[in-house]
Structures are given as structure tokens and as C-alpha cells.
Protein backbone atom coordinates (compact mmCIF):
# COMPACT_ATOMS: atom_id res chain seq x y z
CA UNK A 1 -19.27 104.94 55.18
CA UNK A 2 -21.94 102.43 54.23
CA UNK A 3 -24.79 102.94 51.77
CA UNK A 4 -26.99 100.51 53.70
CA UNK A 5 -26.74 102.60 56.85
CA UNK A 6 -24.43 103.07 59.79
CA UNK A 7 -22.54 99.87 60.70
CA UNK A 8 -22.96 100.19 64.46
CA UNK A 9 -22.12 96.52 65.02
CA UNK A 10 -18.55 96.87 63.72
CA UNK A 11 -18.06 100.03 65.75
CA UNK A 12 -19.17 98.37 68.99
CA UNK A 13 -16.99 95.30 68.36
CA UNK A 14 -13.90 97.36 67.64
CA UNK A 15 -14.60 99.58 70.63
CA UNK A 16 -14.85 96.51 72.88
CA UNK A 17 -11.57 95.14 71.52
CA UNK A 18 -9.74 98.48 71.89
CA UNK A 19 -10.92 98.96 75.49
CA UNK A 20 -9.80 95.50 76.55
CA UNK A 21 -7.06 93.19 75.25
CA UNK A 22 -6.25 95.21 72.10
CA UNK A 23 -5.64 98.55 73.82
CA UNK A 24 -2.50 100.72 73.56
CA UNK A 25 -1.39 99.15 76.86
CA UNK A 26 -1.33 95.61 75.45
CA UNK A 27 1.90 93.93 76.53
CA UNK A 28 2.06 91.84 73.36
CA UNK A 29 1.74 94.96 71.14
CA UNK A 30 -1.19 93.51 69.21
CA UNK A 31 -3.97 96.07 68.85
CA UNK A 32 -6.80 97.56 66.82
CA UNK A 33 -7.26 101.21 65.78
CA UNK A 34 -8.91 103.46 68.35
CA UNK A 35 -12.60 104.06 67.54
CA UNK A 36 -13.55 107.74 67.76
CA UNK A 37 -17.34 107.76 67.42
CA UNK A 38 -20.30 107.54 65.06
CA UNK A 39 -21.90 110.05 62.66
CA UNK A 40 -25.39 108.63 62.00
CA UNK A 41 -26.35 111.41 59.57
CA UNK A 42 -23.44 110.36 57.33
CA UNK A 43 -23.82 106.58 57.90
CA UNK A 44 -20.23 106.68 59.11
CA UNK A 45 -18.09 105.75 62.07
CA UNK A 46 -14.58 107.00 62.66
CA UNK A 47 -11.33 105.53 63.90
CA UNK A 48 -7.79 106.82 64.34
CA UNK A 49 -5.41 106.37 61.45
CA UNK A 50 -2.99 103.49 62.02
CA UNK A 51 0.56 104.31 61.04
CA UNK A 52 2.58 101.58 59.39
CA UNK A 53 2.40 99.39 56.29
CA UNK A 54 0.36 96.34 55.20
CA UNK A 55 1.94 93.17 56.53
CA UNK A 56 3.07 91.77 53.18
CA UNK A 57 5.61 94.59 52.86
CA UNK A 58 7.30 93.23 55.99
CA UNK A 59 6.64 89.52 55.52
CA UNK A 60 8.95 89.50 52.51
CA UNK A 61 11.82 90.96 54.59
CA UNK A 62 14.57 88.59 55.82
CA UNK A 63 12.86 88.29 59.23
CA UNK A 64 9.44 87.75 57.70
CA UNK A 65 8.96 84.35 59.36
CA UNK A 66 9.19 86.00 62.77
CA UNK A 67 6.42 88.43 61.81
CA UNK A 68 4.35 85.54 60.44
CA UNK A 69 4.58 83.85 63.83
CA UNK A 70 3.36 87.06 65.50
CA UNK A 71 0.44 87.32 63.10
CA UNK A 72 -0.54 83.78 64.04
CA UNK A 73 -0.46 85.00 67.64
CA UNK A 74 -2.71 87.95 66.77
CA UNK A 75 -5.28 85.63 65.17
CA UNK A 76 -5.22 83.36 68.20
CA UNK A 77 -5.54 86.34 70.55
CA UNK A 78 -8.66 87.54 68.72
CA UNK A 79 -10.19 84.09 69.18
CA UNK A 80 -9.44 84.11 72.91
CA UNK A 81 -10.22 87.73 73.78
CA UNK A 82 -12.77 88.86 71.19
CA UNK A 83 -16.38 89.47 72.23
CA UNK A 84 -19.03 86.99 71.05
CA UNK A 85 -20.93 87.93 67.90
CA UNK A 86 -24.43 87.05 66.69
CA UNK A 87 -23.25 86.23 63.18
CA UNK A 88 -21.93 82.74 62.45
CA UNK A 89 -19.96 81.41 59.49
CA UNK A 90 -19.71 77.65 59.04
CA UNK A 91 -18.41 75.31 56.38
CA UNK A 92 -21.76 75.36 54.59
CA UNK A 93 -21.43 79.15 54.28
CA UNK A 94 -17.86 78.84 52.99
CA UNK A 95 -18.89 76.34 50.32
CA UNK A 96 -21.94 78.40 49.37
CA UNK A 97 -19.64 81.37 48.67
CA UNK A 98 -17.43 79.20 46.45
CA UNK A 99 -20.40 78.06 44.37
CA UNK A 100 -21.79 81.59 44.10
CA UNK A 101 -18.48 83.06 42.97
CA UNK A 102 -17.14 80.29 40.72
CA UNK A 103 -20.33 79.47 38.84
CA UNK A 104 -20.21 82.74 36.84
CA UNK A 105 -16.53 82.07 36.04
CA UNK A 106 -17.46 78.67 34.58
CA UNK A 107 -20.31 80.22 32.58
CA UNK A 108 -18.06 82.93 31.16
CA UNK A 109 -15.26 80.46 30.33
CA UNK A 110 -16.77 77.29 28.83
CA UNK A 111 -13.34 75.70 28.35
CA UNK A 112 -12.91 75.70 32.14
CA UNK A 113 -16.48 74.75 33.03
CA UNK A 114 -15.97 71.03 33.64
CA UNK A 115 -12.73 71.63 35.53
CA UNK A 116 -14.40 74.19 37.79
CA UNK A 117 -17.29 71.80 38.42
CA UNK A 118 -14.79 69.13 39.49
CA UNK A 119 -13.02 71.64 41.74
CA UNK A 120 -16.32 72.58 43.40
CA UNK A 121 -17.27 68.94 43.90
CA UNK A 122 -13.86 68.16 45.41
CA UNK A 123 -14.14 71.24 47.65
CA UNK A 124 -17.47 69.93 48.94
CA UNK A 125 -15.84 66.61 49.80
CA UNK A 126 -12.90 68.34 51.46
CA UNK A 127 -15.17 70.54 53.55
CA UNK A 128 -17.25 67.54 54.60
CA UNK A 129 -14.10 65.82 55.85
CA UNK A 130 -13.72 68.28 58.72
CA UNK A 131 -15.34 67.44 62.05
CA UNK A 132 -17.55 70.02 63.74
CA UNK A 133 -15.66 72.51 65.88
CA UNK A 134 -16.47 74.97 68.64
CA UNK A 135 -16.80 78.34 66.93
CA UNK A 136 -14.59 81.19 68.12
CA UNK A 137 -14.49 84.96 67.41
CA UNK A 138 -13.05 85.41 63.93
CA UNK A 139 -11.98 88.27 61.66
CA UNK A 140 -13.24 86.40 58.55
CA UNK A 141 -11.27 88.58 56.14
CA UNK A 142 -7.85 88.02 57.62
CA UNK A 143 -5.05 88.50 55.09
CA UNK A 144 -1.96 90.67 54.78
CA UNK A 145 -3.74 93.87 53.68
CA UNK A 146 -5.89 93.78 56.83
CA UNK A 147 -2.89 93.51 59.16
CA UNK A 148 -0.89 96.71 59.63
CA UNK A 149 2.66 96.66 60.99
CA UNK A 150 4.22 99.67 62.71
CA UNK A 151 7.57 98.86 64.32
CA UNK A 152 6.87 96.26 67.00
CA UNK A 153 3.11 96.79 66.82
CA UNK A 154 0.68 94.63 64.83
CA UNK A 155 -2.83 95.98 64.20
CA UNK A 156 -5.89 94.08 62.96
CA UNK A 157 -8.05 96.32 60.76
CA UNK A 158 -11.29 96.08 58.73
CA UNK A 159 -13.31 93.97 61.14
CA UNK A 160 -16.66 94.44 59.37
CA UNK A 161 -17.05 90.67 58.74
CA UNK A 162 -16.27 89.73 62.37
CA UNK A 163 -18.29 86.69 63.42
CA UNK A 164 -18.15 83.33 65.17
CA UNK A 165 -16.48 80.69 62.99
CA UNK A 166 -14.27 77.62 62.91
CA UNK A 167 -11.02 78.63 64.65
CA UNK A 168 -9.00 77.37 61.65
CA UNK A 169 -10.72 79.76 59.24
CA UNK A 170 -8.65 82.93 59.76
CA UNK A 171 -5.19 81.37 59.76
CA UNK A 172 -6.10 79.14 56.80
CA UNK A 173 -7.40 82.15 54.91
CA UNK A 174 -4.19 84.09 55.63
CA UNK A 175 -2.02 81.20 54.43
CA UNK A 176 -4.08 80.80 51.25
CA UNK A 177 -3.57 84.48 50.44
CA UNK A 178 0.19 84.10 50.95
CA UNK A 179 0.25 81.17 48.52
CA UNK A 180 -1.73 83.15 45.93
CA UNK A 181 0.60 86.15 46.33
CA UNK A 182 3.63 83.89 45.86
CA UNK A 183 2.21 82.47 42.63
CA UNK A 184 1.27 85.89 41.29
CA UNK A 185 4.49 87.66 42.26
CA UNK A 186 7.04 84.97 41.42
CA UNK A 187 5.29 82.36 39.30
CA UNK A 188 5.87 79.73 42.00
CA UNK A 189 3.22 78.80 44.52
CA UNK A 190 5.88 77.56 46.97
CA UNK A 191 8.06 80.69 46.83
CA UNK A 192 6.90 81.80 50.31
CA UNK A 193 6.54 78.34 51.82
CA UNK A 194 8.67 79.40 54.80
CA UNK A 195 6.03 82.02 55.70
CA UNK A 196 3.21 79.51 55.33
CA UNK A 197 5.07 77.11 57.62
CA UNK A 198 5.69 79.85 60.20
CA UNK A 199 2.02 80.88 60.17
CA UNK A 200 0.82 77.29 60.53
CA UNK A 201 3.36 76.38 63.21
CA UNK A 202 2.72 79.58 65.16
CA UNK A 203 -0.97 78.80 65.30
CA UNK A 204 -0.71 75.07 65.96
CA UNK A 205 1.79 75.71 68.77
CA UNK A 206 -0.81 77.95 70.46
CA UNK A 207 -3.71 75.56 69.96
CA UNK A 208 -3.15 71.87 69.23
CA UNK A 209 -1.74 69.54 66.61
CA UNK A 210 -5.31 68.53 65.81
CA UNK A 211 -5.85 71.98 64.24
CA UNK A 212 -3.25 71.47 61.50
CA UNK A 213 -5.50 69.51 59.13
CA UNK A 214 -8.32 72.06 59.41
CA UNK A 215 -5.92 74.95 58.75
CA UNK A 216 -4.80 73.28 55.52
CA UNK A 217 -8.39 72.64 54.45
CA UNK A 218 -9.28 76.32 54.79
CA UNK A 219 -6.06 77.36 53.03
CA UNK A 220 -7.04 75.20 50.05
CA UNK A 221 -10.61 76.52 49.98
CA UNK A 222 -9.19 80.06 50.04
CA UNK A 223 -7.15 79.26 46.93
CA UNK A 224 -10.30 77.99 45.24
CA UNK A 225 -12.01 81.30 46.00
CA UNK A 226 -9.06 83.10 44.42
CA UNK A 227 -9.98 81.58 41.06
CA UNK A 228 -13.01 83.88 41.08
CA UNK A 229 -11.12 86.81 42.61
CA UNK A 230 -8.54 86.66 39.84
CA UNK A 231 -11.28 87.06 37.24
CA UNK A 232 -12.75 90.12 38.97
CA UNK A 233 -9.40 91.97 38.95
CA UNK A 234 -8.22 92.57 35.37
CA UNK A 235 -4.50 92.58 36.18
CA UNK A 236 -4.83 89.16 37.85
CA UNK A 237 -6.67 87.36 35.06
CA UNK A 238 -3.42 86.03 33.64
CA UNK A 239 -3.09 83.91 36.80
CA UNK A 240 -6.52 82.27 36.73
CA UNK A 241 -5.30 79.24 34.78
CA UNK A 242 -2.38 78.73 37.16
CA UNK A 243 -4.68 78.99 40.18
CA UNK A 244 -7.08 76.49 38.68
CA UNK A 245 -4.23 74.05 38.08
CA UNK A 246 -2.89 74.59 41.62
CA UNK A 247 -6.32 73.94 43.13
CA UNK A 248 -6.71 70.76 41.09
CA UNK A 249 -3.37 69.58 42.44
CA UNK A 250 -4.29 70.47 46.04
CA UNK A 251 -7.64 68.72 45.73
CA UNK A 252 -6.19 65.59 44.17
CA UNK A 253 -7.98 66.02 40.85
CA UNK A 254 -6.34 64.12 38.03
CA UNK A 255 -6.08 65.91 34.69
CA UNK A 256 -8.73 64.84 32.21
């Protein structure tokens, strides 16, 4: 349901994916939920329930690296087989989101204000270091909760932000979320490094070595965004300081 009205665009995109490469007949067992139809009077569209669990519940299993490699394959498949979209999301949009979300955090926490300003400035420089790329179909909210695992099947869900974007965006975003989860669940940002490596390698193997640097840039920018996310979720606020310190380290910011 959507208060702003029926989201027909997401329905049509998911329907196109399900009827083509992401159908129940997909040999690679990478799919999307089956769309069922629209209910305009309720500003709603319907899809079949996907059985299974969010990917993080399986990524932490002993064979989690194998699943990580498959998720990298699912992201790459979406880029190859997804329909074009009118919406675009570039580096300028990514940096604009960081400024919009972190500025209130700095205002509410004066002791962090200068550090957050330095993080934003360093993020701008990092983003500017990437060359222009050919945009590809992208999930744009790709992390473990939006990937469902049911046996040998992997499903991409919640495609409402689907757009054309830098091909490194989705895999970098997924890796950044894994790093944040590792920090929050174990106190160590490198606790799930083997999953990060499997995700990165699985994607680079399917694309090119030239993509590796861009993937790492987007992973770092995702961690910066998590500074703001941690403040919006009360039970995560204890990790804001650790995330800020981790981002400073990733961005090469020396302690004042």
C-alpha cells in the first residue's frame, strides 16, 4: 500500500522480471515474487508470498560464502536482464542523500559536528574519484533483508527503488550492510570479512577487475549513510560512535 497512490511502476517492473529471466523456470534459481495484480481503490498491488528467510540468516552459516557468491550473481543478473527504467541515480544523488541525512545528526550532536563535516567532505572527494560509468538496471536498496533464501532459490524483493545506476552501487551497498552488521553484532567490523570478499569476488569475476575500486567506494559510502541510520533506530544508537570512527578510518581521516 502507498499513501501517495498506487505504485504501478514497481508492479510493471516486477511483472516484467517475473515473466522473463526471473521466472519460476529460471535455471539459475534466481527469481522475484510472482505479481498477482493491482487494486487501485486501495492504492495497493499484490504479490505471492515468498517462502524462506532473509539472507543474513543463511550468510552466517558455515557455507555462507557460497551464498554470498550467488547473491553477487543475482545482482549481476538484474543488471543484465532487468528492463530499463526512467529513474536514474548517480553519484551526485548518493552524495546528496548523505548530506541530507547526516546534517541533522551533526546538528543534534555538536560534539560530532566537525567530525561529520570532515566525513562528508572526504566522501565528496571519494565520490569524485570515480570515473563515469554506463548505468545499468539496479535494485538500489540491495541488502540482506531484501534477499530471501528458500533452499536453492534466491529471491530479490522490495524493488520499489529500482532505477538505472552505476553497476557498482548494489554490490557495494550490500557489502557495506554486511560490514555494519558485523560491527553491530560482534563489535568487530571485520568479523564477516570472508563474506565481503566472496561478494566482491563473485561480482568482479562476472564483470571486470576494473569494477573492484568502484565497489569499495560504494561500500564505504554505505557505511557513512549508516551513521545516520544508527541514530534513527534507538537500539542502534550505541554503535554510532563506532561507525563514525570506522568511516574516518576508511576515508583516511586522521584523528584531530
